[in-house]
């Protein structure tokens, strides 16, 4: 990011937010979103495709995908709060914001697709036994 010509007060406010609890929250939730997304991807490949009759694994996958979507949404919200001082002086969000929104939309789409699949297959919760 080029900060040449940016108001010093706005940039200082941005740094305070980035180094404070808002910055740590956005970082933590972005990492959680990535972690949950990877776990959901691996779960879908290893369990749902290989063992489609294990409905408890489908329920786990739905929960972890929803967690990824929620973490992504919280991370994006924190980023918006974090960059608010810079938006006031004409600097706008970059490509990371777009990627985070797309990731959240993909997670939500996967969650809806899994719910639709579970409803169409009439899968009921069962134990792993």
Foldseek 3Di string as FASTA:
>chain_A
DDCVPPDPVLVVQLVCLCPDPLVVLLVVLLVLLVVLVVVLVVLCVPDCVVPVLQVVSLVVSLVSLVSSLVSLVSSLVSVCVSNVSVVVRPDDDDDVSVVSVVSSVVSVVVNVVSVVVCVVVVRDHDDPD
